[in-house]
Every structure is written in structure tokens, then in C-alpha cells.
C-alpha atoms as a PDB file:
ATOM      1  CA  MET A   1     226.579 130.624  46.426  1.00  0.00           C
ATOM      2  CA  ASP A   2     224.649 129.962  49.561  1.00  0.00           C
ATOM      3  CA  ALA A   3     222.924 126.715  50.518  1.00  0.00           C
ATOM      4  CA  LEU A   4     219.442 127.988  49.640  1.00  0.00           C
ATOM      5  CA  ASN A   5     220.426 128.808  46.051  1.00  0.00           C
ATOM      6  CA  ILE A   6     222.070 125.417  45.640  1.00  0.00           C
ATOM      7  CA  ALA A   7     218.972 123.681  47.026  1.00  0.00           C
ATOM      8  CA  LEU A   8     216.645 125.628  44.726  1.00  0.00           C
ATOM      9  CA  GLU A   9     218.792 124.869  41.685  1.00  0.00           C
ATOM     10  CA  THR A  10     218.846 121.187  42.619  1.00  0.00           C
ATOM     11  CA  ILE A  11     215.066 121.128  42.951  1.00  0.00           C
ATOM     12  CA  GLY A  12     214.694 122.813  39.556  1.00  0.00           C
ATOM     13  CA  ILE A  13     217.081 120.365  37.919  1.00  0.00           C
ATOM     14  CA  ALA A  14     215.277 117.414  39.532  1.00  0.00           C
ATOM     15  CA  ALA A  15     211.904 118.746  38.372  1.00  0.00           C
ATOM     16  CA  ILE A  16     213.135 119.013  34.791  1.00  0.00           C
ATOM     17  CA  PHE A  17     214.651 115.522  34.976  1.00  0.00           C
ATOM     18  CA  TYR A  18     211.418 113.947  36.243  1.00  0.00           C
ATOM     19  CA  ALA A  19     209.358 115.883  33.704  1.00  0.00           C
ATOM     20  CA  THR A  20     211.606 114.550  30.944  1.00  0.00           C
ATOM     21  CA  VAL A  21     211.249 110.977  32.206  1.00  0.00           C
ATOM     22  CA  THR A  22     207.482 111.328  32.549  1.00  0.00           C
ATOM     23  CA  HIS A  23     207.209 112.831  29.084  1.00  0.00           C
ATOM     24  CA  ARG A  24     209.246 109.993  27.554  1.00  0.00           C
ATOM     25  CA  VAL A  25     207.377 107.217  29.404  1.00  0.00           C
ATOM     26  CA  LEU A  26     203.825 108.552  29.229  1.00  0.00           C
ATOM     27  CA  GLY A  27     204.066 110.870  26.245  1.00  0.00           C
ATOM     28  CA  HIS A  28     202.089 113.668  27.942  1.00  0.00           C
ATOM     29  CA  GLU A  29     203.115 117.068  26.588  1.00  0.00           C
ATOM     30  CA  LEU A  30     201.295 118.849  29.421  1.00  0.00           C
ATOM     31  CA  VAL A  31     203.761 117.563  32.055  1.00  0.00           C
ATOM     32  CA  TRP A  32     206.750 119.010  30.209  1.00  0.00           C
ATOM     33  CA  GLY A  33     205.014 122.323  29.543  1.00  0.00           C
ATOM     34  CA  MET A  34     203.788 122.795  33.111  1.00  0.00           C
ATOM     35  CA  THR A  35     207.153 121.879  34.634  1.00  0.00           C
ATOM     36  CA  SER A  36     208.965 124.272  32.316  1.00  0.00           C
ATOM     37  CA  LEU A  37     206.511 127.024  33.209  1.00  0.00           C
ATOM     38  CA  VAL A  38     206.903 126.469  36.963  1.00  0.00           C
ATOM     39  CA  VAL A  39     210.716 126.328  36.818  1.00  0.00           C
ATOM     40  CA  ALA A  40     210.925 129.414  34.572  1.00  0.00           C
ATOM     41  CA  SER A  41     208.511 131.307  36.856  1.00  0.00           C
ATOM     42  CA  SER A  42     210.554 130.339  39.901  1.00  0.00           C
ATOM     43  CA  ILE A  43     213.755 131.588  38.273  1.00  0.00           C
ATOM     44  CA  LEU A  44     212.068 134.855  37.324  1.00  0.00           C
ATOM     45  CA  VAL A  45     210.569 135.469  40.773  1.00  0.00           C
ATOM     46  CA  HIS A  46     213.798 134.622  42.603  1.00  0.00           C
ATOM     47  CA  GLY A  47     215.780 136.790  40.201  1.00  0.00           C
ATOM     48  CA  LEU A  48     213.509 139.795  40.642  1.00  0.00           C
ATOM     49  CA  THR A  49     213.222 139.562  44.421  1.00  0.00           C
ATOM     50  CA  ALA A  50     216.728 138.471  45.459  1.00  0.00           C
ATOM     51  CA  THR A  51     218.420 141.885  45.551  1.00  0.00           C
ATOM     52  CA  PRO A  52     215.582 143.935  47.091  1.00  0.00           C
ATOM     53  CA  LEU A  53     214.896 141.341  49.792  1.00  0.00           C
ATOM     54  CA  THR A  54     218.608 140.950  50.563  1.00  0.00           C
ATOM     55  CA  LYS A  55     218.924 144.721  51.013  1.00  0.00           C
ATOM     56  CA  LEU A  56     215.823 144.777  53.218  1.00  0.00           C
ATOM     57  CA  TYR A  57     217.226 141.967  55.348  1.00  0.00           C
ATOM     58  CA  GLY A  58     220.581 143.761  55.615  1.00  0.00           C
ATOM     59  CA  HIS A  59     218.932 146.986  56.803  1.00  0.00           C
ATOM     60  CA  SER A  60     216.864 145.050  59.346  1.00  0.00           C
ATOM     61  CA  ALA A  61     219.932 143.196  60.642  1.00  0.00           C
ATOM     62  CA  ASP A  62     221.874 146.480  60.940  1.00  0.00           C
ATOM     63  CA  GLU A  63     219.039 148.068  62.932  1.00  0.00           C
ATOM     64  CA  ASP A  64     218.831 145.063  65.258  1.00  0.00           C
ATOM     65  CA  GLN A  65     222.572 145.136  65.836  1.00  0.00           C
ATOM     66  CA  HIS A  66     222.479 148.887  66.510  1.00  0.00           C
ATOM     67  CA  ARG A  67     219.631 148.453  69.014  1.00  0.00           C
ATOM     68  CA  SER A  68     221.402 145.628  70.840  1.00  0.00           C
ATOM     69  CA  GLU A  69     224.620 147.649  71.080  1.00  0.00           C
ATOM     70  CA  SER A  70     222.884 150.764  72.413  1.00  0.00           C
ATOM     71  CA  SER A  71     220.842 148.851  74.982  1.00  0.00           C
ATOM     72  CA  SER A  72     223.795 146.864  76.295  1.00  0.00           C
ATOM     73  CA  ALA A  73     224.647 147.162  79.976  1.00  0.00           C
ATOM     74  CA  PHE A  74     228.186 148.041  78.943  1.00  0.00           C
ATOM     75  CA  ALA A  75     227.208 150.842  76.549  1.00  0.00           C
ATOM     76  CA  ASP A  76     229.010 154.167  76.998  1.00  0.00           C
ATOM     77  CA  ARG A  77     226.951 156.694  78.876  1.00  0.00           C
END
């Protein structure tokens, strides 16, 4: 797991914790519902976009590396 995933999971866990505390103290159902919706939406969006964006980034990094190798002063001629 990379640092970004750990940070996002920690934020989601903290959001659920604070929503639970707020719900217990204030008794507002809306806070719990909205927090659950935001966290679930975040999980869905990250899940759907993780693989395609990782592949796109990998292709971009490969192209950049190829360009830097071919434009090097020490490249075979």
C-alpha cells in the first residue's frame, strides 16, 4: 500500500469517527447520512479510477523515460 492510500483510508476512518461522535452528542441523523455518502462515494470513485489512471501514468512515465534516453548526449548514433 502506498502512502496516499493509507492517508485516504485514515481520513475516511476519521470522518466516520467524528460523524459517530457528532451523531451521538447532537442526535442529528443528517450528519451520519452525509458522511456515509461522502465516504462511500470516495471509495467508489477511487476504486473505479485507480487502475486506469495508474496505467495512464505508467505509459506517460515510460514515454518520458524513452525520450530522455534518446535525447541523451551519450545516446548511440
